[in-house]
C-alpha atoms as a PDB file:
ATOM      1  CA  UNK A   1      11.366   2.348 -42.999  1.00  0.00           C
ATOM      2  CA  UNK A   2       7.813   1.218 -42.788  1.00  0.00           C
ATOM      3  CA  UNK A   3       7.034  -0.522 -39.479  1.00  0.00           C
ATOM      4  CA  UNK A   4       4.379  -3.272 -39.188  1.00  0.00           C
ATOM      5  CA  UNK A   5       2.615  -3.112 -35.907  1.00  0.00           C
ATOM      6  CA  UNK A   6       0.199  -5.665 -34.541  1.00  0.00           C
ATOM      7  CA  UNK A   7      -1.944  -4.732 -31.536  1.00  0.00           C
ATOM      8  CA  UNK A   8      -3.618  -7.656 -29.798  1.00  0.00           C
ATOM      9  CA  UNK A   9      -6.664  -6.388 -27.955  1.00  0.00           C
ATOM     10  CA  UNK A  10      -8.667  -3.449 -29.153  1.00  0.00           C
ATOM     11  CA  UNK A  11     -10.261  -2.203 -25.959  1.00  0.00           C
ATOM     12  CA  UNK A  12      -9.906   1.388 -24.714  1.00  0.00           C
ATOM     13  CA  UNK A  13      -6.132   1.242 -24.388  1.00  0.00           C
ATOM     14  CA  UNK A  14      -5.334  -0.816 -27.527  1.00  0.00           C
ATOM     15  CA  UNK A  15      -7.774   1.038 -29.927  1.00  0.00           C
ATOM     16  CA  UNK A  16      -6.583   4.374 -28.538  1.00  0.00           C
ATOM     17  CA  UNK A  17      -2.975   3.392 -29.184  1.00  0.00           C
ATOM     18  CA  UNK A  18      -3.762   2.222 -32.707  1.00  0.00           C
ATOM     19  CA  UNK A  19      -5.303   5.726 -33.503  1.00  0.00           C
ATOM     20  CA  UNK A  20      -2.388   7.501 -31.841  1.00  0.00           C
ATOM     21  CA  UNK A  21       0.199   5.605 -33.721  1.00  0.00           C
ATOM     22  CA  UNK A  22      -1.300   6.588 -37.107  1.00  0.00           C
ATOM     23  CA  UNK A  23       1.530   7.797 -39.306  1.00  0.00           C
ATOM     24  CA  UNK A  24       4.305   6.597 -37.047  1.00  0.00           C
ATOM     25  CA  UNK A  25       7.211   5.440 -39.254  1.00  0.00           C
ATOM     26  CA  UNK A  26       4.645   4.944 -42.138  1.00  0.00           C
ATOM     27  CA  UNK A  27       3.245   2.137 -39.980  1.00  0.00           C
ATOM     28  CA  UNK A  28       0.881  -0.469 -41.179  1.00  0.00           C
ATOM     29  CA  UNK A  29      -1.228  -1.464 -38.183  1.00  0.00           C
ATOM     30  CA  UNK A  30      -3.092  -4.679 -37.758  1.00  0.00           C
ATOM     31  CA  UNK A  31      -5.694  -5.156 -34.843  1.00  0.00           C
ATOM     32  CA  UNK A  32      -6.394  -8.553 -33.319  1.00  0.00           C
ATOM     33  CA  UNK A  33      -9.544  -9.105 -31.258  1.00  0.00           C
ATOM     34  CA  UNK A  34     -11.959 -11.961 -30.633  1.00  0.00           C
ATOM     35  CA  UNK A  35     -15.044  -9.592 -30.840  1.00  0.00           C
ATOM     36  CA  UNK A  36     -16.218  -9.362 -34.481  1.00  0.00           C
ATOM     37  CA  UNK A  37     -18.091  -6.105 -33.748  1.00  0.00           C
ATOM     38  CA  UNK A  38     -14.842  -4.531 -32.381  1.00  0.00           C
ATOM     39  CA  UNK A  39     -12.932  -5.553 -35.525  1.00  0.00           C
ATOM     40  CA  UNK A  40     -15.611  -4.039 -37.713  1.00  0.00           C
ATOM     41  CA  UNK A  41     -15.623  -0.799 -35.911  1.00  0.00           C
ATOM     42  CA  UNK A  42     -11.813  -0.577 -35.830  1.00  0.00           C
ATOM     43  CA  UNK A  43     -11.938  -0.903 -39.671  1.00  0.00           C
ATOM     44  CA  UNK A  44     -14.780   1.154 -40.613  1.00  0.00           C
ATOM     45  CA  UNK A  45     -13.528   4.161 -38.321  1.00  0.00           C
ATOM     46  CA  UNK A  46      -9.954   3.803 -39.709  1.00  0.00           C
ATOM     47  CA  UNK A  47      -8.392   2.874 -36.466  1.00  0.00           C
ATOM     48  CA  UNK A  48      -6.320   0.081 -38.131  1.00  0.00           C
ATOM     49  CA  UNK A  49      -5.281  -1.003 -41.572  1.00  0.00           C
ATOM     50  CA  UNK A  50      -6.225  -4.558 -41.112  1.00  0.00           C
ATOM     51  CA  UNK A  51      -8.208  -6.463 -38.576  1.00  0.00           C
ATOM     52  CA  UNK A  52      -8.450 -10.124 -37.814  1.00  0.00           C
ATOM     53  CA  UNK A  53      -9.548 -12.521 -35.070  1.00  0.00           C
ATOM     54  CA  UNK A  54      -6.743 -14.931 -36.025  1.00  0.00           C
ATOM     55  CA  UNK A  55      -3.719 -14.145 -34.038  1.00  0.00           C
ATOM     56  CA  UNK A  56      -1.455 -16.262 -36.084  1.00  0.00           C
ATOM     57  CA  UNK A  57      -2.524 -14.188 -39.154  1.00  0.00           C
ATOM     58  CA  UNK A  58      -2.238 -11.029 -37.194  1.00  0.00           C
ATOM     59  CA  UNK A  59       1.357 -11.283 -36.027  1.00  0.00           C
ATOM     60  CA  UNK A  60       2.699 -12.644 -39.307  1.00  0.00           C
ATOM     61  CA  UNK A  61       5.582 -10.332 -40.547  1.00  0.00           C
ATOM     62  CA  UNK A  62       5.020  -7.896 -37.683  1.00  0.00           C
ATOM     63  CA  UNK A  63       8.066  -5.894 -36.524  1.00  0.00           C
ATOM     64  CA  UNK A  64       6.368  -4.984 -33.250  1.00  0.00           C
ATOM     65  CA  UNK A  65       3.619  -6.940 -31.444  1.00  0.00           C
ATOM     66  CA  UNK A  66       1.886  -4.947 -28.613  1.00  0.00           C
ATOM     67  CA  UNK A  67      -0.238  -7.017 -26.121  1.00  0.00           C
ATOM     68  CA  UNK A  68      -3.134  -4.986 -24.894  1.00  0.00           C
ATOM     69  CA  UNK A  69      -5.026  -7.678 -23.015  1.00  0.00           C
ATOM     70  CA  UNK A  70      -5.293  -8.963 -19.484  1.00  0.00           C
ATOM     71  CA  UNK A  71      -1.799 -10.126 -18.315  1.00  0.00           C
ATOM     72  CA  UNK A  72      -2.938 -13.507 -17.506  1.00  0.00           C
ATOM     73  CA  UNK A  73      -3.672 -14.163 -21.230  1.00  0.00           C
ATOM     74  CA  UNK A  74      -0.326 -12.939 -22.655  1.00  0.00           C
ATOM     75  CA  UNK A  75       1.872 -15.868 -22.075  1.00  0.00           C
ATOM     76  CA  UNK A  76      -0.647 -18.326 -23.585  1.00  0.00           C
ATOM     77  CA  UNK A  77      -1.294 -15.992 -26.574  1.00  0.00           C
ATOM     78  CA  UNK A  78       2.408 -15.512 -27.237  1.00  0.00           C
ATOM     79  CA  UNK A  79       3.071 -19.221 -27.069  1.00  0.00           C
ATOM     80  CA  UNK A  80       0.248 -19.825 -29.575  1.00  0.00           C
ATOM     81  CA  UNK A  81       1.541 -17.567 -32.165  1.00  0.00           C
ATOM     82  CA  UNK A  82       5.295 -18.355 -31.972  1.00  0.00           C
ATOM     83  CA  UNK A  83       5.308 -20.126 -35.368  1.00  0.00           C
ATOM     84  CA  UNK A  84       4.103 -16.915 -37.083  1.00  0.00           C
ATOM     85  CA  UNK A  85       6.527 -14.539 -35.439  1.00  0.00           C
ATOM     86  CA  UNK A  86       9.408 -13.203 -37.689  1.00  0.00           C
ATOM     87  CA  UNK A  87      13.077 -13.420 -36.401  1.00  0.00           C
ATOM     88  CA  UNK A  88      13.832 -10.268 -34.459  1.00  0.00           C
ATOM     89  CA  UNK A  89      10.296  -9.188 -33.649  1.00  0.00           C
ATOM     90  CA  UNK A  90       9.909  -6.985 -30.610  1.00  0.00           C
ATOM     91  CA  UNK A  91       7.235  -8.010 -28.092  1.00  0.00           C
ATOM     92  CA  UNK A  92       5.761  -5.515 -25.656  1.00  0.00           C
ATOM     93  CA  UNK A  93       2.681  -5.110 -23.407  1.00  0.00           C
ATOM     94  CA  UNK A  94       0.914  -2.198 -21.669  1.00  0.00           C
ATOM     95  CA  UNK A  95      -0.064  -4.111 -18.498  1.00  0.00           C
ATOM     96  CA  UNK A  96       0.120  -2.446 -15.141  1.00  0.00           C
ATOM     97  CA  UNK A  97       2.169  -5.157 -13.449  1.00  0.00           C
ATOM     98  CA  UNK A  98       5.479  -6.153 -14.787  1.00  0.00           C
ATOM     99  CA  UNK A  99       7.478  -8.439 -12.694  1.00  0.00           C
ATOM    100  CA  UNK A 100       4.963 -11.505 -12.664  1.00  0.00           C
ATOM    101  CA  UNK A 101       4.285 -11.172 -16.343  1.00  0.00           C
ATOM    102  CA  UNK A 102       7.969 -11.021 -17.241  1.00  0.00           C
ATOM    103  CA  UNK A 103       8.642 -14.180 -15.369  1.00  0.00           C
ATOM    104  CA  UNK A 104       5.821 -16.072 -17.225  1.00  0.00           C
ATOM    105  CA  UNK A 105       6.793 -14.601 -20.612  1.00  0.00           C
ATOM    106  CA  UNK A 106      10.418 -15.630 -20.489  1.00  0.00           C
ATOM    107  CA  UNK A 107       9.883 -19.401 -20.798  1.00  0.00           C
ATOM    108  CA  UNK A 108       7.755 -18.991 -24.014  1.00  0.00           C
ATOM    109  CA  UNK A 109       9.689 -15.968 -25.551  1.00  0.00           C
ATOM    110  CA  UNK A 110      11.504 -17.010 -28.858  1.00  0.00           C
ATOM    111  CA  UNK A 111      15.361 -16.739 -28.513  1.00  0.00           C
ATOM    112  CA  UNK A 112      15.489 -14.339 -31.454  1.00  0.00           C
ATOM    113  CA  UNK A 113      12.708 -12.087 -30.120  1.00  0.00           C
ATOM    114  CA  UNK A 114      13.192  -8.915 -27.818  1.00  0.00           C
ATOM    115  CA  UNK A 115      10.860  -8.188 -24.976  1.00  0.00           C
ATOM    116  CA  UNK A 116      10.391  -4.889 -23.200  1.00  0.00           C
ATOM    117  CA  UNK A 117       7.440  -3.893 -21.159  1.00  0.00           C
ATOM    118  CA  UNK A 118       5.813  -0.499 -21.212  1.00  0.00           C
ATOM    119  CA  UNK A 119       3.042   1.092 -18.985  1.00  0.00           C
ATOM    120  CA  UNK A 120       1.380   4.330 -20.271  1.00  0.00           C
ATOM    121  CA  UNK A 121      -0.005   6.054 -17.294  1.00  0.00           C
ATOM    122  CA  UNK A 122      -3.373   6.889 -18.923  1.00  0.00           C
ATOM    123  CA  UNK A 123      -6.893   5.655 -19.000  1.00  0.00           C
ATOM    124  CA  UNK A 124     -10.517   6.510 -18.523  1.00  0.00           C
ATOM    125  CA  UNK A 125     -13.245   5.458 -16.138  1.00  0.00           C
ATOM    126  CA  UNK A 126     -15.031   3.610 -19.013  1.00  0.00           C
ATOM    127  CA  UNK A 127     -13.374   0.887 -21.035  1.00  0.00           C
ATOM    128  CA  UNK A 128     -14.128  -0.392 -24.516  1.00  0.00           C
ATOM    129  CA  UNK A 129     -13.336   0.609 -28.016  1.00  0.00           C
ATOM    130  CA  UNK A 130     -16.342   2.972 -28.061  1.00  0.00           C
ATOM    131  CA  UNK A 131     -14.552   5.096 -25.594  1.00  0.00           C
ATOM    132  CA  UNK A 132     -11.065   5.001 -27.419  1.00  0.00           C
ATOM    133  CA  UNK A 133      -9.497   8.320 -28.596  1.00  0.00           C
ATOM    134  CA  UNK A 134      -6.195   9.220 -30.302  1.00  0.00           C
ATOM    135  CA  UNK A 135      -5.582  11.784 -27.478  1.00  0.00           C
ATOM    136  CA  UNK A 136      -5.768   9.463 -24.628  1.00  0.00           C
ATOM    137  CA  UNK A 137      -1.936   9.348 -24.107  1.00  0.00           C
ATOM    138  CA  UNK A 138      -1.407  13.097 -24.611  1.00  0.00           C
ATOM    139  CA  UNK A 139       0.570  14.581 -21.803  1.00  0.00           C
ATOM    140  CA  UNK A 140       0.664  11.262 -19.927  1.00  0.00           C
ATOM    141  CA  UNK A 141       3.687   9.586 -18.507  1.00  0.00           C
ATOM    142  CA  UNK A 142       5.292   6.396 -20.238  1.00  0.00           C
ATOM    143  CA  UNK A 143       7.189   3.920 -18.005  1.00  0.00           C
ATOM    144  CA  UNK A 144       9.558   1.628 -19.931  1.00  0.00           C
ATOM    145  CA  UNK A 145      10.707  -1.583 -18.240  1.00  0.00           C
ATOM    146  CA  UNK A 146      13.779  -2.988 -19.770  1.00  0.00           C
ATOM    147  CA  UNK A 147      14.556  -6.775 -19.104  1.00  0.00           C
ATOM    148  CA  UNK A 148      17.314  -9.068 -19.932  1.00  0.00           C
ATOM    149  CA  UNK A 149      15.527  -9.813 -23.069  1.00  0.00           C
ATOM    150  CA  UNK A 150      15.494  -6.226 -24.276  1.00  0.00           C
ATOM    151  CA  UNK A 151      17.654  -4.844 -26.983  1.00  0.00           C
ATOM    152  CA  UNK A 152      18.723  -1.320 -27.348  1.00  0.00           C
ATOM    153  CA  UNK A 153      16.661  -1.251 -30.534  1.00  0.00           C
ATOM    154  CA  UNK A 154      13.599  -2.325 -28.673  1.00  0.00           C
ATOM    155  CA  UNK A 155      13.968   0.257 -25.826  1.00  0.00           C
ATOM    156  CA  UNK A 156      14.598   3.024 -28.390  1.00  0.00           C
ATOM    157  CA  UNK A 157      11.474   2.091 -30.222  1.00  0.00           C
ATOM    158  CA  UNK A 158       9.443   2.352 -27.136  1.00  0.00           C
ATOM    159  CA  UNK A 159      10.803   5.663 -26.478  1.00  0.00           C
ATOM    160  CA  UNK A 160      10.089   6.874 -30.014  1.00  0.00           C
ATOM    161  CA  UNK A 161       6.502   5.536 -29.648  1.00  0.00           C
ATOM    162  CA  UNK A 162       6.060   7.294 -26.279  1.00  0.00           C
ATOM    163  CA  UNK A 163       7.106  10.546 -27.953  1.00  0.00           C
ATOM    164  CA  UNK A 164       4.996  10.131 -30.990  1.00  0.00           C
ATOM    165  CA  UNK A 165       1.771   9.453 -29.028  1.00  0.00           C
ATOM    166  CA  UNK A 166       2.255  12.647 -26.908  1.00  0.00           C
ATOM    167  CA  UNK A 167       3.701  11.272 -23.626  1.00  0.00           C
ATOM    168  CA  UNK A 168       5.235  14.308 -21.729  1.00  0.00           C
ATOM    169  CA  UNK A 169       7.439  12.252 -19.437  1.00  0.00           C
ATOM    170  CA  UNK A 170       9.324   9.128 -20.248  1.00  0.00           C
ATOM    171  CA  UNK A 171      11.171   7.100 -17.646  1.00  0.00           C
ATOM    172  CA  UNK A 172      12.869   3.682 -17.700  1.00  0.00           C
ATOM    173  CA  UNK A 173      12.450   1.640 -14.614  1.00  0.00           C
ATOM    174  CA  UNK A 174      13.108  -1.986 -13.591  1.00  0.00           C
ATOM    175  CA  UNK A 175      10.100  -4.375 -13.331  1.00  0.00           C
ATOM    176  CA  UNK A 176      10.590  -4.775  -9.699  1.00  0.00           C
ATOM    177  CA  UNK A 177      10.768  -1.165  -8.819  1.00  0.00           C
ATOM    178  CA  UNK A 178       7.761  -0.307 -11.279  1.00  0.00           C
ATOM    179  CA  UNK A 179       5.608  -2.845  -9.345  1.00  0.00           C
ATOM    180  CA  UNK A 180       6.539  -1.354  -5.921  1.00  0.00           C
ATOM    181  CA  UNK A 181       5.837   2.120  -6.812  1.00  0.00           C
ATOM    182  CA  UNK A 182       2.743   1.445  -8.890  1.00  0.00           C
ATOM    183  CA  UNK A 183       1.349  -0.444  -5.755  1.00  0.00           C
ATOM    184  CA  UNK A 184       1.191   3.001  -4.180  1.00  0.00           C
ATOM    185  CA  UNK A 185       0.495   5.469  -6.938  1.00  0.00           C
ATOM    186  CA  UNK A 186      -2.135   3.367  -8.834  1.00  0.00           C
ATOM    187  CA  UNK A 187      -3.205   0.155  -6.926  1.00  0.00           C
ATOM    188  CA  UNK A 188      -3.664   1.680  -3.493  1.00  0.00           C
ATOM    189  CA  UNK A 189      -5.378   4.751  -4.888  1.00  0.00           C
ATOM    190  CA  UNK A 190      -7.948   2.622  -6.721  1.00  0.00           C
ATOM    191  CA  UNK A 191      -8.543   0.554  -3.606  1.00  0.00           C
ATOM    192  CA  UNK A 192      -9.049   3.666  -1.357  1.00  0.00           C
ATOM    193  CA  UNK A 193     -11.401   5.156  -3.876  1.00  0.00           C
ATOM    194  CA  UNK A 194     -13.445   1.927  -4.122  1.00  0.00           C
ATOM    195  CA  UNK A 195     -13.449   1.597  -0.336  1.00  0.00           C
ATOM    196  CA  UNK A 196     -15.005   4.939   0.160  1.00  0.00           C
ATOM    197  CA  UNK A 197     -17.960   3.620  -1.972  1.00  0.00           C
ATOM    198  CA  UNK A 198     -18.503   0.110  -0.414  1.00  0.00           C
ATOM    199  CA  UNK A 199     -20.691   1.798   2.252  1.00  0.00           C
ATOM    200  CA  UNK A 200     -22.410   5.228   2.187  1.00  0.00           C
ATOM    201  CA  UNK A 201     -25.016   6.983   4.300  1.00  0.00           C
ATOM    202  CA  UNK A 202     -28.443   5.805   3.241  1.00  0.00           C
ATOM    203  CA  UNK A 203     -29.901   9.411   3.329  1.00  0.00           C
ATOM    204  CA  UNK A 204     -27.124  11.088   1.281  1.00  0.00           C
ATOM    205  CA  UNK A 205     -27.653  12.398  -2.223  1.00  0.00           C
ATOM    206  CA  UNK A 206     -25.500  14.651  -4.519  1.00  0.00           C
ATOM    207  CA  UNK A 207     -26.679  17.758  -2.748  1.00  0.00           C
ATOM    208  CA  UNK A 208     -24.199  16.885   0.019  1.00  0.00           C
ATOM    209  CA  UNK A 209     -21.274  16.340  -2.210  1.00  0.00           C
ATOM    210  CA  UNK A 210     -18.623  18.844  -3.628  1.00  0.00           C
ATOM    211  CA  UNK A 211     -15.219  18.686  -5.161  1.00  0.00           C
ATOM    212  CA  UNK A 212     -13.602  16.623  -2.497  1.00  0.00           C
ATOM    213  CA  UNK A 213     -16.096  13.707  -2.901  1.00  0.00           C
ATOM    214  CA  UNK A 214     -16.053  13.794  -6.596  1.00  0.00           C
ATOM    215  CA  UNK A 215     -12.160  13.715  -6.821  1.00  0.00           C
ATOM    216  CA  UNK A 216     -11.707  11.051  -4.158  1.00  0.00           C
ATOM    217  CA  UNK A 217     -14.353   8.632  -5.650  1.00  0.00           C
ATOM    218  CA  UNK A 218     -13.826   9.458  -9.418  1.00  0.00           C
ATOM    219  CA  UNK A 219     -12.273   6.046 -10.113  1.00  0.00           C
ATOM    220  CA  UNK A 220     -14.445   3.988  -7.746  1.00  0.00           C
ATOM    221  CA  UNK A 221     -16.559   2.737 -10.621  1.00  0.00           C
ATOM    222  CA  UNK A 222     -13.802   0.614 -12.097  1.00  0.00           C
ATOM    223  CA  UNK A 223     -13.473  -2.543 -14.112  1.00  0.00           C
ATOM    224  CA  UNK A 224     -13.614  -5.023 -11.192  1.00  0.00           C
ATOM    225  CA  UNK A 225     -12.444  -7.977 -13.169  1.00  0.00           C
ATOM    226  CA  UNK A 226      -9.385  -6.248 -14.519  1.00  0.00           C
ATOM    227  CA  UNK A 227      -8.446  -4.707 -11.084  1.00  0.00           C
ATOM    228  CA  UNK A 228      -8.990  -7.978  -9.202  1.00  0.00           C
ATOM    229  CA  UNK A 229      -6.436  -9.590 -11.520  1.00  0.00           C
ATOM    230  CA  UNK A 230      -3.957  -6.691 -11.193  1.00  0.00           C
ATOM    231  CA  UNK A 231      -4.124  -6.570  -7.453  1.00  0.00           C
ATOM    232  CA  UNK A 232      -3.543 -10.289  -7.233  1.00  0.00           C
ATOM    233  CA  UNK A 233      -0.546 -10.224  -9.602  1.00  0.00           C
ATOM    234  CA  UNK A 234       0.990  -7.428  -7.492  1.00  0.00           C
ATOM    235  CA  UNK A 235      -0.083  -8.956  -4.256  1.00  0.00           C
ATOM    236  CA  UNK A 236       3.092  -8.535  -2.062  1.00  0.00           C
ATOM    237  CA  UNK A 237       3.573  -4.854  -2.988  1.00  0.00           C
ATOM    238  CA  UNK A 238      -0.148  -4.135  -2.630  1.00  0.00           C
ATOM    239  CA  UNK A 239      -0.292  -5.808   0.852  1.00  0.00           C
ATOM    240  CA  UNK A 240       2.823  -3.738   1.999  1.00  0.00           C
ATOM    241  CA  UNK A 241       1.117  -0.562   0.857  1.00  0.00           C
ATOM    242  CA  UNK A 242      -2.153  -1.500   2.446  1.00  0.00           C
ATOM    243  CA  UNK A 243      -0.485  -2.415   5.870  1.00  0.00           C
ATOM    244  CA  UNK A 244       1.071   1.133   5.945  1.00  0.00           C
ATOM    245  CA  UNK A 245      -2.154   2.907   4.867  1.00  0.00           C
ATOM    246  CA  UNK A 246      -4.310   0.949   7.421  1.00  0.00           C
ATOM    247  CA  UNK A 247      -1.779   1.784  10.178  1.00  0.00           C
ATOM    248  CA  UNK A 248      -1.849   5.469   9.212  1.00  0.00           C
ATOM    249  CA  UNK A 249      -5.727   5.340   9.299  1.00  0.00           C
ATOM    250  CA  UNK A 250      -5.686   3.690  12.686  1.00  0.00           C
ATOM    251  CA  UNK A 251      -3.454   6.462  13.944  1.00  0.00           C
ATOM    252  CA  UNK A 252      -5.954   9.030  12.669  1.00  0.00           C
ATOM    253  CA  UNK A 253      -8.754   7.000  14.201  1.00  0.00           C
ATOM    254  CA  UNK A 254      -7.156   6.993  17.586  1.00  0.00           C
ATOM    255  CA  UNK A 255      -6.388  10.620  17.583  1.00  0.00           C
ATOM    256  CA  UNK A 256      -9.948  11.450  16.741  1.00  0.00           C
ATOM    257  CA  UNK A 257     -11.318   8.966  19.356  1.00  0.00           C
ATOM    258  CA  UNK A 258      -9.035  10.550  22.058  1.00  0.00           C
ATOM    259  CA  UNK A 259      -9.358  14.086  20.779  1.00  0.00           C
ATOM    260  CA  UNK A 260      -5.696  14.159  20.506  1.00  0.00           C
ATOM    261  CA  UNK A 261      -5.259  17.515  18.814  1.00  0.00           C
ATOM    262  CA  UNK A 262      -1.416  17.499  18.775  1.00  0.00           C
ATOM    263  CA  UNK A 263      -1.141  14.037  17.124  1.00  0.00           C
ATOM    264  CA  UNK A 264      -4.050  14.694  14.622  1.00  0.00           C
ATOM    265  CA  UNK A 265      -2.691  18.048  13.662  1.00  0.00           C
ATOM    266  CA  UNK A 266       0.807  16.521  13.133  1.00  0.00           C
ATOM    267  CA  UNK A 267      -0.544  13.769  10.956  1.00  0.00           C
ATOM    268  CA  UNK A 268      -2.521  15.978   8.649  1.00  0.00           C
ATOM    269  CA  UNK A 269       0.466  18.495   8.486  1.00  0.00           C
ATOM    270  CA  UNK A 270       2.716  15.525   7.406  1.00  0.00           C
ATOM    271  CA  UNK A 271       0.175  14.616   4.715  1.00  0.00           C
ATOM    272  CA  UNK A 272       0.160  18.078   3.340  1.00  0.00           C
ATOM    273  CA  UNK A 273       3.847  18.391   3.421  1.00  0.00           C
ATOM    274  CA  UNK A 274       4.328  15.068   1.649  1.00  0.00           C
ATOM    275  CA  UNK A 275       1.736  16.134  -0.947  1.00  0.00           C
ATOM    276  CA  UNK A 276       3.741  19.304  -1.688  1.00  0.00           C
ATOM    277  CA  UNK A 277       6.883  17.302  -1.897  1.00  0.00           C
ATOM    278  CA  UNK A 278       5.373  14.681  -4.267  1.00  0.00           C
ATOM    279  CA  UNK A 279       4.356  17.591  -6.652  1.00  0.00           C
ATOM    280  CA  UNK A 280       7.997  18.787  -7.033  1.00  0.00           C
ATOM    281  CA  UNK A 281       9.201  15.239  -8.203  1.00  0.00           C
END
């Protein structure tokens, strides 16, 4: 059966998803965006079958609506287009924080609509439709976050989509657990990378750098607006992770200050052991 899919937001993630979904269940894909240049590019390059800046028009008769915009905009956008949503529509989003968004979506979600969150673990250092590619999600992981508003049909469809776009690992997880783990595996990692570049030695240049510097700071040049929002939305979990991280750094600092070889060696050995353990999971 042909599936009508509407993607709201044609940035890096949304436009890449549109391309990756080409051919999925004979899908007809509509893109919604406020930028006329983005809409034109999405059409001329065949990323979507239809493009509009009118969300009411865009979601009409859609079987699936995927929100690929900042989380703070989703509840308002969803509320604004309720009149155009067909009965039984499936609503999803690809945002990196789930618990707060779910709480804000529920009051405006139509009773006959299903909602399930998804989080594809993919991305690039540069945002925008100009960096979109159909292969973005290849060999990535897909986290599916069922809610009390989810149906088995909605969850199954998300799993089918994940498989179709090339995700190599698909896992269901509660919104609460998703946010707690992502605070470490994504939020804290971005903070640490950015933190390394807030200050740097005034006389340094790239001659002094090698793989370690490049790896550790690869994601430091991030979308500051988007990440500020995500860190605020996942505030409690982020602060919990930061507290542990700062405590660990303080232990390392004290060991270096006091030339405590036993403690420093133990801390570094623990880090190495834990990294090897993580790689087996």
